[in-house]
Protein backbone atom coordinates (compact mmCIF):
# COMPACT_ATOMS: atom_id res chain seq x y z
CA MET A 1 56.60 9.26 51.70
CA PRO A 2 59.66 8.04 53.14
CA ASP A 3 61.47 4.99 51.75
CA PRO A 4 60.74 1.88 53.75
CA PHE A 5 63.17 0.62 55.90
CA ARG A 6 64.16 -3.01 57.74
CA TYR A 7 64.80 -4.08 60.98
CA ASN A 8 68.54 -5.46 61.41
CA ALA A 9 70.07 -8.26 61.47
CA ARG A 10 71.29 -8.02 64.91
CA LEU A 11 67.87 -7.51 66.37
CA ARG A 12 65.95 -9.56 63.71
CA GLU A 13 68.13 -12.45 65.28
CA MET A 14 66.99 -11.26 69.21
CA LEU A 15 63.55 -11.43 68.36
CA ASN A 16 63.00 -14.13 66.13
CA PRO A 17 62.44 -17.09 68.36
CA PHE A 18 62.68 -19.56 65.26
CA SER A 19 66.02 -20.82 64.58
CA PRO A 20 67.30 -21.50 60.80
CA LYS A 21 68.08 -25.49 61.67
CA THR A 22 64.26 -25.73 63.56
CA ASN A 23 61.87 -27.89 61.50
CA LEU A 24 58.97 -25.16 60.81
CA PRO A 25 54.98 -25.58 60.60
CA ASP A 26 53.88 -24.31 57.29
CA GLU A 27 52.45 -21.33 59.06
CA HIS A 28 56.03 -19.70 59.51
CA GLU A 29 57.34 -21.23 56.05
CA PRO A 30 57.91 -18.14 53.70
CA GLY A 31 55.78 -18.36 50.26
CA PRO A 32 52.76 -16.61 48.86
CA PHE A 33 49.93 -15.13 51.06
CA GLY A 34 47.25 -13.50 48.88
CA PRO A 35 48.86 -11.34 46.39
CA TYR A 36 51.88 -11.02 48.73
CA HIS A 37 54.76 -13.03 49.52
CA LEU A 38 56.21 -13.74 52.92
CA ILE A 39 59.99 -13.63 52.56
CA GLU A 40 61.14 -13.87 56.04
CA LEU A 41 59.45 -14.40 59.76
CA ILE A 42 61.05 -10.93 61.73
CA ASN A 43 59.11 -11.12 65.01
CA THR A 44 56.86 -13.11 67.08
CA GLY A 45 54.60 -11.06 69.43
CA GLY A 46 52.08 -10.85 71.81
CA MET A 47 49.27 -10.80 69.35
CA ALA A 48 50.92 -11.61 65.63
CA ASP A 49 53.53 -12.58 63.77
CA LEU A 50 55.46 -10.01 61.99
CA TRP A 51 56.88 -10.76 58.28
CA GLN A 52 58.88 -9.22 55.58
CA ALA A 53 57.04 -9.24 52.60
CA THR A 54 56.85 -7.88 49.10
CA ASN A 55 53.68 -6.30 47.53
CA PRO A 56 52.82 -7.35 43.93
CA GLU A 57 54.36 -4.45 42.79
CA GLY A 58 57.60 -5.90 44.39
CA GLN A 59 57.80 -3.53 46.94
CA THR A 60 59.10 -4.20 50.24
CA VAL A 61 55.93 -4.52 53.13
CA ALA A 62 55.66 -6.04 56.23
CA ILE A 63 52.48 -8.07 57.31
CA ARG A 64 51.35 -9.07 60.54
CA LYS A 65 49.14 -12.19 61.20
CA LEU A 66 47.28 -12.72 64.27
CA LEU A 67 48.72 -15.49 65.57
CA PRO A 68 47.00 -19.01 65.22
CA GLN A 69 45.74 -19.50 68.79
CA LEU A 70 43.92 -16.51 68.82
CA ARG A 71 42.05 -16.68 65.33
CA ARG A 72 38.75 -18.33 67.44
CA ASP A 73 39.07 -15.84 70.32
CA GLY A 74 36.76 -13.15 69.33
CA THR A 75 38.55 -10.07 71.69
CA ALA A 76 41.56 -11.06 70.62
CA LYS A 77 40.39 -10.43 66.95
CA LYS A 78 38.34 -7.48 67.55
CA ARG A 79 41.19 -6.22 69.50
CA PHE A 80 43.40 -6.70 66.47
CA ASN A 81 40.90 -5.44 63.83
CA THR A 82 40.49 -2.25 66.03
CA GLY A 83 44.42 -1.60 66.23
CA CYS A 84 44.64 -1.68 62.39
CA GLU A 85 41.59 0.69 62.07
CA ILE A 86 42.78 3.39 64.07
CA LEU A 87 46.09 2.75 62.54
CA ALA A 88 44.52 3.30 59.03
CA HIS A 89 42.89 6.35 60.52
CA ILE A 90 45.84 8.15 62.02
CA HIS A 91 49.20 6.84 60.11
CA GLU A 92 49.64 10.14 57.82
CA HIS A 93 52.26 11.66 60.28
CA ASP A 94 55.83 11.57 59.93
CA TYR A 95 56.59 9.43 63.26
CA ILE A 96 53.63 7.04 62.80
CA VAL A 97 54.51 3.65 60.78
CA HIS A 98 52.71 3.84 57.66
CA TYR A 99 49.34 2.06 56.80
CA PHE A 100 48.52 -0.04 53.96
CA GLU A 101 45.51 -2.27 54.30
CA HIS A 102 44.12 -4.85 56.57
CA GLY A 103 41.45 -7.52 55.89
CA LYS A 104 41.37 -11.54 55.95
CA ILE A 105 43.56 -13.57 53.56
CA LYS A 106 42.24 -17.35 53.82
CA GLY A 107 40.51 -16.59 56.70
CA ILE A 108 43.63 -14.89 58.79
CA PRO A 109 43.31 -11.71 60.07
CA PHE A 110 46.43 -9.41 59.00
CA MET A 111 47.84 -5.90 58.09
CA ALA A 112 50.31 -4.78 55.42
CA MET A 113 52.14 -1.76 56.47
CA GLU A 114 55.58 0.14 56.24
CA TYR A 115 58.59 -2.68 56.80
CA LEU A 116 61.00 -1.06 59.26
CA GLU A 117 64.87 -1.15 59.56
CA GLY A 118 66.50 0.00 62.75
CA ALA A 119 65.95 -1.35 66.46
CA ASN A 120 63.19 -0.22 68.79
CA LEU A 121 63.98 2.45 71.49
CA LYS A 122 64.01 -0.58 74.17
CA GLU A 123 67.50 -1.78 72.51
CA TRP A 124 69.25 1.68 72.30
CA ILE A 125 68.28 2.71 75.80
CA ALA A 126 69.86 -1.06 77.11
CA ASN A 127 73.08 -0.20 74.60
CA PRO A 128 73.50 3.41 74.29
CA THR A 129 76.25 4.99 71.87
CA GLU A 130 77.55 8.73 71.64
CA GLU A 131 75.56 8.92 68.83
CA LEU A 132 72.63 8.44 70.52
CA SER A 133 73.50 11.39 72.99
CA GLN A 134 73.15 13.72 70.19
CA TYR A 135 69.70 12.62 68.97
CA ILE A 136 68.23 12.08 72.37
CA GLY A 137 66.24 15.77 72.75
CA ASN A 138 65.02 14.98 69.09
CA ILE A 139 63.85 11.81 69.92
CA VAL A 140 61.82 12.73 73.15
CA ILE A 141 60.14 15.70 71.40
CA ASP A 142 59.71 12.84 68.19
CA ILE A 143 57.58 10.13 69.97
CA GLY A 144 56.09 12.83 71.85
CA GLU A 145 54.24 14.69 68.46
CA ALA A 146 53.17 11.21 67.32
CA LEU A 147 51.25 10.80 70.41
CA GLU A 148 49.72 14.16 70.35
CA HIS A 149 49.10 13.37 67.20
CA VAL A 150 47.13 10.18 68.32
CA HIS A 151 45.39 12.19 70.99
CA ASP A 152 44.52 14.78 68.24
CA CYS A 153 42.78 12.29 66.07
CA GLY A 154 41.09 11.30 68.90
CA TYR A 155 42.73 8.41 70.70
CA MET A 156 44.94 7.03 73.47
CA HIS A 157 47.59 4.88 72.39
CA LEU A 158 47.53 3.06 76.18
CA ASP A 159 50.52 0.80 75.48
CA PHE A 160 53.08 3.82 74.92
CA LYS A 161 56.59 2.34 75.81
CA PRO A 162 60.43 2.61 74.33
CA GLU A 163 59.54 -1.19 73.14
CA ASN A 164 56.70 0.62 70.70
CA VAL A 165 59.09 3.08 69.37
CA LEU A 166 61.20 2.26 66.50
CA VAL A 167 64.39 4.16 65.82
CA SER A 168 65.90 4.18 62.03
CA PRO A 169 69.91 4.15 60.99
CA ASN A 170 69.46 7.87 59.97
CA TRP A 171 67.36 8.59 63.95
CA ASN A 172 64.12 9.15 62.53
CA VAL A 173 61.11 7.26 65.06
CA ARG A 174 58.22 5.12 64.16
CA LEU A 175 55.51 4.68 66.78
CA ILE A 176 53.66 1.23 66.50
CA ASP A 177 51.21 -1.21 68.04
CA PHE A 178 48.14 0.19 68.37
CA ASP A 179 46.24 -2.97 69.65
CA LEU A 180 45.75 -1.65 72.43
CA ALA A 181 44.10 1.81 71.88
CA GLN A 182 40.88 3.19 72.35
CA PRO A 183 38.95 5.89 71.19
CA ARG A 184 38.95 9.09 73.69
CA ARG A 185 35.96 10.13 75.16
CA ARG A 186 34.70 13.20 76.69
CA ASN A 187 35.34 11.96 80.51
CA PRO A 188 38.03 9.26 82.17
CA PHE A 189 36.13 5.92 81.81
CA LYS A 190 36.90 2.66 83.17
CA LEU A 191 38.56 0.17 80.36
CA ALA A 192 36.82 -3.83 80.11
CA LYS A 193 40.18 -5.19 80.62
CA SER A 194 44.10 -3.54 81.67
CA PRO A 195 46.46 -5.02 79.40
CA GLY A 196 49.51 -3.48 78.99
CA THR A 197 52.85 -3.25 80.67
CA PRO A 198 52.54 -2.77 84.29
CA ALA A 199 56.00 -0.78 84.64
CA TYR A 200 54.48 2.16 81.82
CA MET A 201 51.34 1.77 82.97
CA SER A 202 49.64 4.95 85.10
CA PRO A 203 48.51 4.17 88.88
CA GLU A 204 44.78 5.01 87.74
CA GLN A 205 45.03 1.79 85.01
CA LEU A 206 46.72 -0.18 87.47
CA GLN A 207 44.07 0.74 90.39
CA ARG A 208 41.49 -0.46 87.61
CA GLU A 209 40.34 3.67 87.71
CA PRO A 210 38.66 5.70 85.21
CA VAL A 211 41.28 6.59 82.67
CA ASP A 212 41.33 9.27 79.72
CA HIS A 213 44.67 10.67 77.95
CA ARG A 214 46.74 11.42 80.93
CA ALA A 215 47.03 7.60 81.30
CA ASP A 216 49.51 8.07 78.13
CA ILE A 217 50.98 11.12 79.55
CA PHE A 218 52.27 9.45 82.55
CA ALA A 219 53.38 6.65 80.13
CA TYR A 220 55.11 9.26 78.21
CA GLY A 221 56.71 10.68 81.39
CA VAL A 222 58.27 7.29 82.08
CA SER A 223 59.75 6.67 78.88
CA ILE A 224 61.32 10.17 79.13
CA TYR A 225 62.51 9.20 82.41
CA GLU A 226 64.13 6.13 80.69
CA ILE A 227 65.41 7.73 77.88
CA LEU A 228 67.42 9.96 79.69
CA THR A 229 68.66 8.20 82.78
CA GLY A 230 68.95 4.46 81.20
CA GLN A 231 66.37 3.00 84.10
CA LYS A 232 62.71 3.23 84.90
CA PRO A 233 61.52 5.56 87.50
CA PHE A 234 59.55 2.55 88.89
CA SER A 235 60.68 -0.75 89.57
CA GLY A 236 58.82 -4.10 90.71
CA ALA A 237 58.84 -7.67 90.57
CA SER A 238 54.54 -6.78 90.31
CA PRO A 239 52.01 -4.52 89.19
CA ALA A 240 51.36 -4.16 93.25
CA GLU A 241 54.71 -3.45 93.87
CA ILE A 242 55.40 -0.65 91.14
CA LEU A 243 51.90 0.71 92.26
CA LYS A 244 53.09 1.24 95.76
CA LYS A 245 56.26 3.37 94.21
CA GLN A 246 53.83 4.89 91.96
CA LEU A 247 51.89 6.33 95.20
CA ASN A 248 55.12 6.99 97.73
CA ARG A 249 58.26 8.77 96.30
CA ASN A 250 59.51 8.01 99.33
CA ILE A 251 60.27 4.33 98.00
CA GLY A 252 63.27 4.10 96.05
CA PHE A 253 62.06 7.00 93.56
CA ILE A 254 65.23 8.99 92.64
CA PRO A 255 65.28 12.28 90.59
CA PRO A 256 66.50 12.03 86.98
CA ARG A 257 69.13 14.89 87.92
CA LYS A 258 70.36 12.64 90.25
CA LEU A 259 71.22 9.99 87.90
CA ASN A 260 71.97 12.30 85.06
CA PRO A 261 72.84 15.82 86.01
CA ASP A 262 72.90 17.26 82.58
CA ILE A 263 69.47 16.59 82.32
CA PRO A 264 68.22 20.75 82.10
CA ILE A 265 66.12 21.79 85.38
CA GLY A 266 63.45 22.10 83.02
CA VAL A 267 62.86 19.02 81.69
CA GLU A 268 63.11 17.49 85.27
CA LYS A 269 60.98 19.46 86.26
CA THR A 270 58.72 19.12 83.47
CA LEU A 271 59.11 15.38 83.83
CA LEU A 272 58.42 15.09 87.37
CA LYS A 273 54.99 16.78 86.93
CA SER A 274 53.74 14.14 84.22
CA LEU A 275 54.38 11.62 86.67
CA GLU A 276 51.99 12.78 89.14
CA PRO A 277 49.74 10.07 90.66
CA ASP A 278 46.98 12.41 90.47
CA PRO A 279 46.39 12.52 86.79
CA ILE A 280 44.59 16.42 87.51
CA LYS A 281 48.39 17.53 88.50
CA ARG A 282 49.83 15.92 85.34
CA HIS A 283 49.56 18.34 82.24
CA GLY A 284 46.24 18.71 80.93
CA LEU A 285 47.29 18.08 77.30
CA LEU A 286 50.29 16.72 75.76
CA SER A 287 50.70 19.79 73.54
CA VAL A 288 51.29 21.51 76.86
CA MET A 289 54.05 19.64 77.81
CA LEU A 290 55.63 19.50 74.63
CA HIS A 291 56.04 23.41 75.03
CA ASP A 292 57.47 23.04 78.00
CA LEU A 293 59.97 20.53 76.94
CA ARG A 294 60.95 22.14 73.52
CA THR A 295 61.17 25.60 76.15
CA ALA A 296 63.47 23.25 78.58
CA LEU A 297 65.60 22.09 75.38
CA TYR A 298 66.02 24.60 73.52
CA MET A 299 65.73 28.01 75.04
């Protein structure tokens, strides 16, 4: 297994809402947590606090703790545990964050996983470098392989976006955050709720229609577009505005090669197919899309 690696200090400062001068409640104080020792609060996300910690062997790990305000919320607890269980099933892949264990400590749902260094892909897109441009093709394929592995294991991610991809200093990637993941089914099905980030959600998700793995293919296409051009294909102040642009390409949509002429024609063709509003017109399998991307990138 690769050596664990950590968030860089600048990203930690951006994401950590707690100043060193703030008087923190006990919940956010470093110290023992079952067999682990919490060292530093890295981030507070939508469902969990993320801590740098050490395990009983002294190895650096990351600990996710369900937020206090969600611990009496049955839906939130179920979602957190489902995400942990799915990651436990699929984590043995080079481009997916590694899982160690999950359960409860002092009644607090938690998960122990690989401790990651580096910025998320969203930050790299916002602050591109010449070195990043040299690895863009690899990153596009690697994150696609991670998502393909999720599908092959019988799941959909349903929250695929650059923010949920971490990139290490040596340009390795890890797909993270499976809180919204669902098992794949034989036929499209309606989600009980449609949480997620609207800019990356497919039209069928935004319209609360039945979905299948092709919703992930759409999100992967949106992410590739953003990686290659620096902007999202469908922007808007509300889900309704985003949906309107998804369904009508004449409203503000810019073909990616107009924004970045260095994009190979074959990549643009594959990308546009993944962004079709009708899921039937997208690639039926992510493996097919990846084959087309590899052919366009490396022919």
